[in-house]
Amino acid sequence: MVLMPYYARMGRRNSKLDLLTVNREARLLAGSIIFSAVGLPLIVWATGRALLGPYANGGMFAILGDFFTLLYAGSFSAWILLFAPYALLSALRLTAWGVRQL
């Protein structure tokens, strides 16, 4: 029974590590939502302006207002645009983890 304390230590979980993981994921989610709520509509506006011409409802800030209106109305495409950067980042991280496991 000399090995028992060794195995008991292995069975314990490190709750601080779990909190660090949750903290990191929360920061990634918050950063990607802030980017996609402000930056992505402006990128869509700039790309549309370059390829299609001026935005029909106004200028650069009009598309932000329209985007937030669509979010409030529950538009599926607006919600996809909001969470797409986090989903892409998570997919890239999962792929990198899978490659490291090989």
PDB file of N, CA and C in Angstrom:
ATOM      1  N   MET A   1       0.803  -1.196   0.000  1.00  0.00           N
ATOM      2  CA  MET A   1       0.000   0.000   0.000  1.00  0.00           C
ATOM      3  C   MET A   1       0.851   1.267   0.000  1.00  0.00           C
ATOM      4  N   VAL A   2       2.083   1.170  -0.336  1.00  0.00           N
ATOM      5  CA  VAL A   2       2.957   2.326  -0.380  1.00  0.00           C
ATOM      6  C   VAL A   2       2.609   3.218  -1.569  1.00  0.00           C
ATOM      7  N   LEU A   3       2.097   2.647  -2.664  1.00  0.00           N
ATOM      8  CA  LEU A   3       1.805   3.415  -3.860  1.00  0.00           C
ATOM      9  C   LEU A   3       0.474   4.161  -3.798  1.00  0.00           C
ATOM     10  N   MET A   4      -0.335   3.930  -2.807  1.00  0.00           N
ATOM     11  CA  MET A   4      -1.666   4.532  -2.734  1.00  0.00           C
ATOM     12  C   MET A   4      -1.636   6.065  -2.740  1.00  0.00           C
ATOM     13  N   PRO A   5      -0.807   6.744  -1.965  1.00  0.00           N
ATOM     14  CA  PRO A   5      -0.811   8.213  -2.022  1.00  0.00           C
ATOM     15  C   PRO A   5      -0.458   8.744  -3.411  1.00  0.00           C
ATOM     16  N   TYR A   6       0.401   8.028  -4.139  1.00  0.00           N
ATOM     17  CA  TYR A   6       0.759   8.441  -5.490  1.00  0.00           C
ATOM     18  C   TYR A   6      -0.469   8.417  -6.393  1.00  0.00           C
ATOM     19  N   TYR A   7      -1.243   7.347  -6.361  1.00  0.00           N
ATOM     20  CA  TYR A   7      -2.439   7.252  -7.198  1.00  0.00           C
ATOM     21  C   TYR A   7      -3.532   8.201  -6.727  1.00  0.00           C
ATOM     22  N   ALA A   8      -3.596   8.491  -5.470  1.00  0.00           N
ATOM     23  CA  ALA A   8      -4.592   9.432  -4.959  1.00  0.00           C
ATOM     24  C   ALA A   8      -4.317  10.832  -5.511  1.00  0.00           C
ATOM     25  N   ARG A   9      -3.048  11.193  -5.608  1.00  0.00           N
ATOM     26  CA  ARG A   9      -2.702  12.491  -6.181  1.00  0.00           C
ATOM     27  C   ARG A   9      -3.056  12.547  -7.655  1.00  0.00           C
ATOM     28  N   MET A  10      -2.921  11.446  -8.368  1.00  0.00           N
ATOM     29  CA  MET A  10      -3.237  11.431  -9.788  1.00  0.00           C
ATOM     30  C   MET A  10      -4.740  11.590 -10.018  1.00  0.00           C
ATOM     31  N   GLY A  11      -5.548  11.147  -9.075  1.00  0.00           N
ATOM     32  CA  GLY A  11      -6.997  11.203  -9.239  1.00  0.00           C
ATOM     33  C   GLY A  11      -7.577  12.584  -9.015  1.00  0.00           C
ATOM     34  N   ARG A  12      -6.848  13.441  -8.350  1.00  0.00           N
ATOM     35  CA  ARG A  12      -7.362  14.793  -8.086  1.00  0.00           C
ATOM     36  C   ARG A  12      -7.310  15.634  -9.341  1.00  0.00           C
ATOM     37  N   ARG A  13      -8.339  16.461  -9.500  1.00  0.00           N
ATOM     38  CA  ARG A  13      -8.358  17.386 -10.639  1.00  0.00           C
ATOM     39  C   ARG A  13      -7.845  18.741 -10.185  1.00  0.00           C
ATOM     40  N   ASN A  14      -7.203  19.444 -11.081  1.00  0.00           N
ATOM     41  CA  ASN A  14      -6.709  20.775 -10.790  1.00  0.00           C
ATOM     42  C   ASN A  14      -7.797  21.774 -11.176  1.00  0.00           C
ATOM     43  N   SER A  15      -8.513  22.290 -10.194  1.00  0.00           N
ATOM     44  CA  SER A  15      -9.614  23.213 -10.493  1.00  0.00           C
ATOM     45  C   SER A  15      -9.094  24.548 -11.021  1.00  0.00           C
ATOM     46  N   LYS A  16      -7.876  24.932 -10.672  1.00  0.00           N
ATOM     47  CA  LYS A  16      -7.321  26.169 -11.194  1.00  0.00           C
ATOM     48  C   LYS A  16      -7.110  26.071 -12.699  1.00  0.00           C
ATOM     49  N   LEU A  17      -6.691  24.925 -13.195  1.00  0.00           N
ATOM     50  CA  LEU A  17      -6.523  24.717 -14.623  1.00  0.00           C
ATOM     51  C   LEU A  17      -7.871  24.849 -15.337  1.00  0.00           C
ATOM     52  N   ASP A  18      -8.925  24.311 -14.745  1.00  0.00           N
ATOM     53  CA  ASP A  18     -10.246  24.423 -15.339  1.00  0.00           C
ATOM     54  C   ASP A  18     -10.699  25.880 -15.395  1.00  0.00           C
ATOM     55  N   LEU A  19     -10.437  26.648 -14.355  1.00  0.00           N
ATOM     56  CA  LEU A  19     -10.803  28.060 -14.359  1.00  0.00           C
ATOM     57  C   LEU A  19     -10.002  28.842 -15.388  1.00  0.00           C
ATOM     58  N   LEU A  20      -8.741  28.482 -15.583  1.00  0.00           N
ATOM     59  CA  LEU A  20      -7.935  29.137 -16.610  1.00  0.00           C
ATOM     60  C   LEU A  20      -8.484  28.842 -17.995  1.00  0.00           C
ATOM     61  N   THR A  21      -8.936  27.620 -18.217  1.00  0.00           N
ATOM     62  CA  THR A  21      -9.503  27.248 -19.506  1.00  0.00           C
ATOM     63  C   THR A  21     -10.802  28.002 -19.762  1.00  0.00           C
ATOM     64  N   VAL A  22     -11.655  28.072 -18.753  1.00  0.00           N
ATOM     65  CA  VAL A  22     -12.917  28.809 -18.894  1.00  0.00           C
ATOM     66  C   VAL A  22     -12.640  30.289 -19.130  1.00  0.00           C
ATOM     67  N   ASN A  23     -11.669  30.839 -18.424  1.00  0.00           N
ATOM     68  CA  ASN A  23     -11.314  32.247 -18.586  1.00  0.00           C
ATOM     69  C   ASN A  23     -10.803  32.513 -20.000  1.00  0.00           C
ATOM     70  N   ARG A  24      -9.951  31.633 -20.514  1.00  0.00           N
ATOM     71  CA  ARG A  24      -9.421  31.798 -21.866  1.00  0.00           C
ATOM     72  C   ARG A  24     -10.533  31.705 -22.901  1.00  0.00           C
ATOM     73  N   GLU A  25     -11.414  30.741 -22.744  1.00  0.00           N
ATOM     74  CA  GLU A  25     -12.517  30.589 -23.700  1.00  0.00           C
ATOM     75  C   GLU A  25     -13.467  31.784 -23.638  1.00  0.00           C
ATOM     76  N   ALA A  26     -13.714  32.292 -22.446  1.00  0.00           N
ATOM     77  CA  ALA A  26     -14.593  33.465 -22.313  1.00  0.00           C
ATOM     78  C   ALA A  26     -13.973  34.688 -22.975  1.00  0.00           C
ATOM     79  N   ARG A  27     -12.659  34.858 -22.816  1.00  0.00           N
ATOM     80  CA  ARG A  27     -11.994  35.988 -23.473  1.00  0.00           C
ATOM     81  C   ARG A  27     -12.004  35.839 -24.981  1.00  0.00           C
ATOM     82  N   LEU A  28     -11.794  34.619 -25.484  1.00  0.00           N
ATOM     83  CA  LEU A  28     -11.856  34.393 -26.930  1.00  0.00           C
ATOM     84  C   LEU A  28     -13.255  34.651 -27.472  1.00  0.00           C
ATOM     85  N   LEU A  29     -14.276  34.196 -26.758  1.00  0.00           N
ATOM     86  CA  LEU A  29     -15.652  34.421 -27.181  1.00  0.00           C
ATOM     87  C   LEU A  29     -15.987  35.906 -27.171  1.00  0.00           C
ATOM     88  N   ALA A  30     -15.620  36.604 -26.096  1.00  0.00           N
ATOM     89  CA  ALA A  30     -15.920  38.040 -26.003  1.00  0.00           C
ATOM     90  C   ALA A  30     -15.180  38.817 -27.093  1.00  0.00           C
ATOM     91  N   GLY A  31     -13.922  38.512 -27.313  1.00  0.00           N
ATOM     92  CA  GLY A  31     -13.161  39.212 -28.348  1.00  0.00           C
ATOM     93  C   GLY A  31     -13.697  38.963 -29.739  1.00  0.00           C
ATOM     94  N   SER A  32     -14.072  37.725 -30.010  1.00  0.00           N
ATOM     95  CA  SER A  32     -14.601  37.435 -31.347  1.00  0.00           C
ATOM     96  C   SER A  32     -15.976  38.047 -31.551  1.00  0.00           C
ATOM     97  N   ILE A  33     -16.792  38.124 -30.513  1.00  0.00           N
ATOM     98  CA  ILE A  33     -18.110  38.759 -30.654  1.00  0.00           C
ATOM     99  C   ILE A  33     -17.961  40.261 -30.841  1.00  0.00           C
ATOM    100  N   ILE A  34     -17.044  40.881 -30.123  1.00  0.00           N
ATOM    101  CA  ILE A  34     -16.815  42.320 -30.305  1.00  0.00           C
ATOM    102  C   ILE A  34     -16.318  42.587 -31.724  1.00  0.00           C
ATOM    103  N   PHE A  35     -15.383  41.764 -32.196  1.00  0.00           N
ATOM    104  CA  PHE A  35     -14.884  41.928 -33.557  1.00  0.00           C
ATOM    105  C   PHE A  35     -15.998  41.734 -34.579  1.00  0.00           C
ATOM    106  N   SER A  36     -16.806  40.687 -34.389  1.00  0.00           N
ATOM    107  CA  SER A  36     -17.836  40.413 -35.385  1.00  0.00           C
ATOM    108  C   SER A  36     -19.013  41.363 -35.289  1.00  0.00           C
ATOM    109  N   ALA A  37     -19.218  42.007 -34.146  1.00  0.00           N
ATOM    110  CA  ALA A  37     -20.310  42.971 -34.021  1.00  0.00           C
ATOM    111  C   ALA A  37     -19.938  44.325 -34.621  1.00  0.00           C
ATOM    112  N   VAL A  38     -18.660  44.660 -34.601  1.00  0.00           N
ATOM    113  CA  VAL A  38     -18.236  45.969 -35.109  1.00  0.00           C
ATOM    114  C   VAL A  38     -17.411  45.835 -36.384  1.00  0.00           C
ATOM    115  N   GLY A  39     -16.420  44.976 -36.365  1.00  0.00           N
ATOM    116  CA  GLY A  39     -15.494  44.884 -37.493  1.00  0.00           C
ATOM    117  C   GLY A  39     -16.057  44.195 -38.715  1.00  0.00           C
ATOM    118  N   LEU A  40     -16.765  43.112 -38.516  1.00  0.00           N
ATOM    119  CA  LEU A  40     -17.254  42.344 -39.655  1.00  0.00           C
ATOM    120  C   LEU A  40     -18.274  43.097 -40.500  1.00  0.00           C
ATOM    121  N   PRO A  41     -19.264  43.778 -39.904  1.00  0.00           N
ATOM    122  CA  PRO A  41     -20.160  44.561 -40.763  1.00  0.00           C
ATOM    123  C   PRO A  41     -19.429  45.654 -41.551  1.00  0.00           C
ATOM    124  N   LEU A  42     -18.395  46.230 -40.948  1.00  0.00           N
ATOM    125  CA  LEU A  42     -17.635  47.258 -41.662  1.00  0.00           C
ATOM    126  C   LEU A  42     -16.820  46.644 -42.800  1.00  0.00           C
ATOM    127  N   ILE A  43     -16.321  45.428 -42.598  1.00  0.00           N
ATOM    128  CA  ILE A  43     -15.621  44.734 -43.681  1.00  0.00           C
ATOM    129  C   ILE A  43     -16.597  44.391 -44.800  1.00  0.00           C
ATOM    130  N   VAL A  44     -17.795  43.937 -44.420  1.00  0.00           N
ATOM    131  CA  VAL A  44     -18.833  43.648 -45.421  1.00  0.00           C
ATOM    132  C   VAL A  44     -19.195  44.924 -46.178  1.00  0.00           C
ATOM    133  N   TRP A  45     -19.314  46.047 -45.457  1.00  0.00           N
ATOM    134  CA  TRP A  45     -19.647  47.325 -46.092  1.00  0.00           C
ATOM    135  C   TRP A  45     -18.546  47.741 -47.078  1.00  0.00           C
ATOM    136  N   ALA A  46     -17.279  47.656 -46.655  1.00  0.00           N
ATOM    137  CA  ALA A  46     -16.172  48.071 -47.517  1.00  0.00           C
ATOM    138  C   ALA A  46     -16.068  47.179 -48.756  1.00  0.00           C
ATOM    139  N   THR A  47     -16.252  45.880 -48.567  1.00  0.00           N
ATOM    140  CA  THR A  47     -16.200  44.969 -49.706  1.00  0.00           C
ATOM    141  C   THR A  47     -17.359  45.222 -50.659  1.00  0.00           C
ATOM    142  N   GLY A  48     -18.544  45.398 -50.103  1.00  0.00           N
ATOM    143  CA  GLY A  48     -19.707  45.682 -50.943  1.00  0.00           C
ATOM    144  C   GLY A  48     -19.579  47.000 -51.681  1.00  0.00           C
ATOM    145  N   ARG A  49     -19.028  47.986 -51.009  1.00  0.00           N
ATOM    146  CA  ARG A  49     -18.842  49.298 -51.648  1.00  0.00           C
ATOM    147  C   ARG A  49     -17.842  49.204 -52.798  1.00  0.00           C
ATOM    148  N   ALA A  50     -16.783  48.426 -52.611  1.00  0.00           N
ATOM    149  CA  ALA A  50     -15.769  48.284 -53.659  1.00  0.00           C
ATOM    150  C   ALA A  50     -16.286  47.468 -54.841  1.00  0.00           C
ATOM    151  N   LEU A  51     -17.084  46.448 -54.563  1.00  0.00           N
ATOM    152  CA  LEU A  51     -17.527  45.567 -55.637  1.00  0.00           C
ATOM    153  C   LEU A  51     -18.874  45.955 -56.235  1.00  0.00           C
ATOM    154  N   LEU A  52     -19.774  46.475 -55.402  1.00  0.00           N
ATOM    155  CA  LEU A  52     -21.149  46.713 -55.850  1.00  0.00           C
ATOM    156  C   LEU A  52     -21.553  48.183 -55.901  1.00  0.00           C
ATOM    157  N   GLY A  53     -20.792  49.038 -55.268  1.00  0.00           N
ATOM    158  CA  GLY A  53     -21.154  50.451 -55.234  1.00  0.00           C
ATOM    159  C   GLY A  53     -21.611  50.865 -53.844  1.00  0.00           C
ATOM    160  N   PRO A  54     -22.153  52.077 -53.726  1.00  0.00           N
ATOM    161  CA  PRO A  54     -22.535  52.584 -52.402  1.00  0.00           C
ATOM    162  C   PRO A  54     -23.667  51.767 -51.768  1.00  0.00           C
ATOM    163  N   TYR A  55     -23.686  51.784 -50.432  1.00  0.00           N
ATOM    164  CA  TYR A  55     -24.717  51.074 -49.670  1.00  0.00           C
ATOM    165  C   TYR A  55     -26.032  51.830 -49.803  1.00  0.00           C
ATOM    166  N   ALA A  56     -27.094  51.133 -50.100  1.00  0.00           N
ATOM    167  CA  ALA A  56     -28.373  51.772 -50.423  1.00  0.00           C
ATOM    168  C   ALA A  56     -28.998  52.490 -49.230  1.00  0.00           C
ATOM    169  N   ASN A  57     -28.752  52.001 -48.004  1.00  0.00           N
ATOM    170  CA  ASN A  57     -29.403  52.600 -46.830  1.00  0.00           C
ATOM    171  C   ASN A  57     -28.596  53.717 -46.193  1.00  0.00           C
ATOM    172  N   GLY A  58     -27.440  54.031 -46.712  1.00  0.00           N
ATOM    173  CA  GLY A  58     -26.639  55.101 -46.122  1.00  0.00           C
ATOM    174  C   GLY A  58     -25.166  54.777 -46.174  1.00  0.00           C
ATOM    175  N   GLY A  59     -24.458  55.211 -45.144  1.00  0.00           N
ATOM    176  CA  GLY A  59     -23.017  55.062 -45.117  1.00  0.00           C
ATOM    177  C   GLY A  59     -22.548  53.924 -44.243  1.00  0.00           C
ATOM    178  N   MET A  60     -21.349  54.114 -43.745  1.00  0.00           N
ATOM    179  CA  MET A  60     -20.671  53.090 -42.969  1.00  0.00           C
ATOM    180  C   MET A  60     -21.417  52.772 -41.664  1.00  0.00           C
ATOM    181  N   PHE A  61     -21.931  53.773 -40.988  1.00  0.00           N
ATOM    182  CA  PHE A  61     -22.602  53.535 -39.718  1.00  0.00           C
ATOM    183  C   PHE A  61     -24.033  53.053 -39.905  1.00  0.00           C
ATOM    184  N   ALA A  62     -24.598  53.255 -41.077  1.00  0.00           N
ATOM    185  CA  ALA A  62     -25.946  52.761 -41.353  1.00  0.00           C
ATOM    186  C   ALA A  62     -25.969  51.241 -41.389  1.00  0.00           C
ATOM    187  N   ILE A  63     -24.899  50.639 -41.889  1.00  0.00           N
ATOM    188  CA  ILE A  63     -24.868  49.173 -41.927  1.00  0.00           C
ATOM    189  C   ILE A  63     -24.745  48.595 -40.520  1.00  0.00           C
ATOM    190  N   LEU A  64     -24.061  49.303 -39.624  1.00  0.00           N
ATOM    191  CA  LEU A  64     -24.009  48.851 -38.234  1.00  0.00           C
ATOM    192  C   LEU A  64     -25.394  48.893 -37.600  1.00  0.00           C
ATOM    193  N   GLY A  65     -26.125  49.972 -37.840  1.00  0.00           N
ATOM    194  CA  GLY A  65     -27.487  50.072 -37.324  1.00  0.00           C
ATOM    195  C   GLY A  65     -28.386  48.994 -37.900  1.00  0.00           C
ATOM    196  N   ASP A  66     -28.253  48.736 -39.180  1.00  0.00           N
ATOM    197  CA  ASP A  66     -29.049  47.681 -39.813  1.00  0.00           C
ATOM    198  C   ASP A  66     -28.678  46.305 -39.259  1.00  0.00           C
ATOM    199  N   PHE A  67     -27.397  46.091 -39.011  1.00  0.00           N
ATOM    200  CA  PHE A  67     -26.948  44.803 -38.468  1.00  0.00           C
ATOM    201  C   PHE A  67     -27.525  44.570 -37.074  1.00  0.00           C
ATOM    202  N   PHE A  68     -27.454  45.593 -36.210  1.00  0.00           N
ATOM    203  CA  PHE A  68     -27.997  45.434 -34.862  1.00  0.00           C
ATOM    204  C   PHE A  68     -29.512  45.304 -34.873  1.00  0.00           C
ATOM    205  N   THR A  69     -30.172  45.961 -35.823  1.00  0.00           N
ATOM    206  CA  THR A  69     -31.616  45.794 -35.974  1.00  0.00           C
ATOM    207  C   THR A  69     -31.951  44.365 -36.369  1.00  0.00           C
ATOM    208  N   LEU A  70     -31.172  43.805 -37.283  1.00  0.00           N
ATOM    209  CA  LEU A  70     -31.397  42.423 -37.696  1.00  0.00           C
ATOM    210  C   LEU A  70     -31.114  41.438 -36.555  1.00  0.00           C
ATOM    211  N   LEU A  71     -30.096  41.732 -35.756  1.00  0.00           N
ATOM    212  CA  LEU A  71     -29.826  40.879 -34.593  1.00  0.00           C
ATOM    213  C   LEU A  71     -30.998  40.902 -33.626  1.00  0.00           C
ATOM    214  N   TYR A  72     -31.523  42.090 -33.369  1.00  0.00           N
ATOM    215  CA  TYR A  72     -32.644  42.236 -32.445  1.00  0.00           C
ATOM    216  C   TYR A  72     -33.894  41.545 -32.990  1.00  0.00           C
ATOM    217  N   ALA A  73     -34.060  41.582 -34.303  1.00  0.00           N
ATOM    218  CA  ALA A  73     -35.223  40.952 -34.929  1.00  0.00           C
ATOM    219  C   ALA A  73     -35.083  39.433 -35.000  1.00  0.00           C
ATOM    220  N   GLY A  74     -33.889  38.914 -34.756  1.00  0.00           N
ATOM    221  CA  GLY A  74     -33.688  37.471 -34.756  1.00  0.00           C
ATOM    222  C   GLY A  74     -33.332  36.894 -36.106  1.00  0.00           C
ATOM    223  N   SER A  75     -32.729  37.696 -36.961  1.00  0.00           N
ATOM    224  CA  SER A  75     -32.332  37.215 -38.280  1.00  0.00           C
ATOM    225  C   SER A  75     -31.249  36.145 -38.142  1.00  0.00           C
ATOM    226  N   PHE A  76     -31.500  34.987 -38.753  1.00  0.00           N
ATOM    227  CA  PHE A  76     -30.564  33.869 -38.656  1.00  0.00           C
ATOM    228  C   PHE A  76     -29.218  34.221 -39.288  1.00  0.00           C
ATOM    229  N   SER A  77     -29.234  34.923 -40.410  1.00  0.00           N
ATOM    230  CA  SER A  77     -27.975  35.269 -41.076  1.00  0.00           C
ATOM    231  C   SER A  77     -27.156  36.260 -40.243  1.00  0.00           C
ATOM    232  N   ALA A  78     -27.809  37.165 -39.535  1.00  0.00           N
ATOM    233  CA  ALA A  78     -27.079  38.103 -38.676  1.00  0.00           C
ATOM    234  C   ALA A  78     -26.439  37.376 -37.495  1.00  0.00           C
ATOM    235  N   TRP A  79     -27.146  36.407 -36.941  1.00  0.00           N
ATOM    236  CA  TRP A  79     -26.585  35.646 -35.822  1.00  0.00           C
ATOM    237  C   TRP A  79     -25.439  34.747 -36.288  1.00  0.00           C
ATOM    238  N   ILE A  80     -25.535  34.217 -37.497  1.00  0.00           N
ATOM    239  CA  ILE A  80     -24.421  33.439 -38.053  1.00  0.00           C
ATOM    240  C   ILE A  80     -23.193  34.337 -38.221  1.00  0.00           C
ATOM    241  N   LEU A  81     -23.410  35.553 -38.734  1.00  0.00           N
ATOM    242  CA  LEU A  81     -22.300  36.496 -38.895  1.00  0.00           C
ATOM    243  C   LEU A  81     -21.693  36.858 -37.541  1.00  0.00           C
ATOM    244  N   LEU A  82     -22.515  36.922 -36.499  1.00  0.00           N
ATOM    245  CA  LEU A  82     -22.018  37.274 -35.172  1.00  0.00           C
ATOM    246  C   LEU A  82     -21.130  36.174 -34.585  1.00  0.00           C
ATOM    247  N   PHE A  83     -21.515  34.914 -34.761  1.00  0.00           N
ATOM    248  CA  PHE A  83     -20.762  33.827 -34.141  1.00  0.00           C
ATOM    249  C   PHE A  83     -19.786  33.131 -35.081  1.00  0.00           C
ATOM    250  N   ALA A  84     -19.721  33.519 -36.334  1.00  0.00           N
ATOM    251  CA  ALA A  84     -18.835  32.861 -37.293  1.00  0.00           C
ATOM    252  C   ALA A  84     -17.349  32.978 -36.932  1.00  0.00           C
ATOM    253  N   PRO A  85     -16.848  34.128 -36.490  1.00  0.00           N
ATOM    254  CA  PRO A  85     -15.414  34.168 -36.146  1.00  0.00           C
ATOM    255  C   PRO A  85     -15.041  33.232 -35.002  1.00  0.00           C
ATOM    256  N   TYR A  86     -15.903  33.111 -33.981  1.00  0.00           N
ATOM    257  CA  TYR A  86     -15.603  32.198 -32.882  1.00  0.00           C
ATOM    258  C   TYR A  86     -15.659  30.750 -33.363  1.00  0.00           C
ATOM    259  N   ALA A  87     -16.627  30.429 -34.203  1.00  0.00           N
ATOM    260  CA  ALA A  87     -16.735  29.068 -34.734  1.00  0.00           C
ATOM    261  C   ALA A  87     -15.521  28.732 -35.605  1.00  0.00           C
ATOM    262  N   LEU A  88     -15.083  29.676 -36.424  1.00  0.00           N
ATOM    263  CA  LEU A  88     -13.906  29.454 -37.262  1.00  0.00           C
ATOM    264  C   LEU A  88     -12.651  29.288 -36.408  1.00  0.00           C
ATOM    265  N   LEU A  89     -12.506  30.133 -35.399  1.00  0.00           N
ATOM    266  CA  LEU A  89     -11.351  30.035 -34.505  1.00  0.00           C
ATOM    267  C   LEU A  89     -11.356  28.706 -33.760  1.00  0.00           C
ATOM    268  N   SER A  90     -12.518  28.272 -33.306  1.00  0.00           N
ATOM    269  CA  SER A  90     -12.612  26.987 -32.607  1.00  0.00           C
ATOM    270  C   SER A  90     -12.296  25.825 -33.540  1.00  0.00           C
ATOM    271  N   ALA A  91     -12.763  25.899 -34.781  1.00  0.00           N
ATOM    272  CA  ALA A  91     -12.465  24.840 -35.745  1.00  0.00           C
ATOM    273  C   ALA A  91     -10.974  24.785 -36.046  1.00  0.00           C
ATOM    274  N   LEU A  92     -10.335  25.939 -36.180  1.00  0.00           N
ATOM    275  CA  LEU A  92      -8.890  25.961 -36.422  1.00  0.00           C
ATOM    276  C   LEU A  92      -8.106  25.416 -35.231  1.00  0.00           C
ATOM    277  N   ARG A  93      -8.531  25.759 -34.029  1.00  0.00           N
ATOM    278  CA  ARG A  93      -7.865  25.248 -32.832  1.00  0.00           C
ATOM    279  C   ARG A  93      -8.051  23.749 -32.694  1.00  0.00           C
ATOM    280  N   LEU A  94      -9.249  23.252 -33.019  1.00  0.00           N
ATOM    281  CA  LEU A  94      -9.511  21.820 -32.962  1.00  0.00           C
ATOM    282  C   LEU A  94      -8.688  21.076 -34.007  1.00  0.00           C
ATOM    283  N   THR A  95      -8.559  21.646 -35.188  1.00  0.00           N
ATOM    284  CA  THR A  95      -7.738  21.037 -36.232  1.00  0.00           C
ATOM    285  C   THR A  95      -6.272  21.005 -35.815  1.00  0.00           C
ATOM    286  N   ALA A  96      -5.787  22.093 -35.249  1.00  0.00           N
ATOM    287  CA  ALA A  96      -4.391  22.132 -34.788  1.00  0.00           C
ATOM    288  C   ALA A  96      -4.157  21.109 -33.688  1.00  0.00           C
ATOM    289  N   TRP A  97      -5.120  20.960 -32.789  1.00  0.00           N
ATOM    290  CA  TRP A  97      -4.993  19.958 -31.728  1.00  0.00           C
ATOM    291  C   TRP A  97      -4.962  18.555 -32.332  1.00  0.00           C
ATOM    292  N   GLY A  98      -5.816  18.306 -33.310  1.00  0.00           N
ATOM    293  CA  GLY A  98      -5.833  16.992 -33.957  1.00  0.00           C
ATOM    294  C   GLY A  98      -4.523  16.688 -34.672  1.00  0.00           C
ATOM    295  N   VAL A  99      -3.940  17.687 -35.313  1.00  0.00           N
ATOM    296  CA  VAL A  99      -2.659  17.496 -35.998  1.00  0.00           C
ATOM    297  C   VAL A  99      -1.555  17.218 -34.983  1.00  0.00           C
ATOM    298  N   ARG A 100      -1.584  17.886 -33.838  1.00  0.00           N
ATOM    299  CA  ARG A 100      -0.579  17.651 -32.810  1.00  0.00           C
ATOM    300  C   ARG A 100      -0.677  16.248 -32.217  1.00  0.00           C
ATOM    301  N   GLN A 101      -1.893  15.676 -32.223  1.00  0.00           N
ATOM    302  CA  GLN A 101      -2.081  14.348 -31.652  1.00  0.00           C
ATOM    303  C   GLN A 101      -1.549  13.242 -32.566  1.00  0.00           C
ATOM    304  N   LEU A 102      -1.319  13.561 -33.841  1.00  0.00           N
ATOM    305  CA  LEU A 102      -0.813  12.533 -34.773  1.00  0.00           C
ATOM    306  C   LEU A 102       0.600  12.150 -34.501  1.00  0.00           C
TER     307      LEU A 102
END
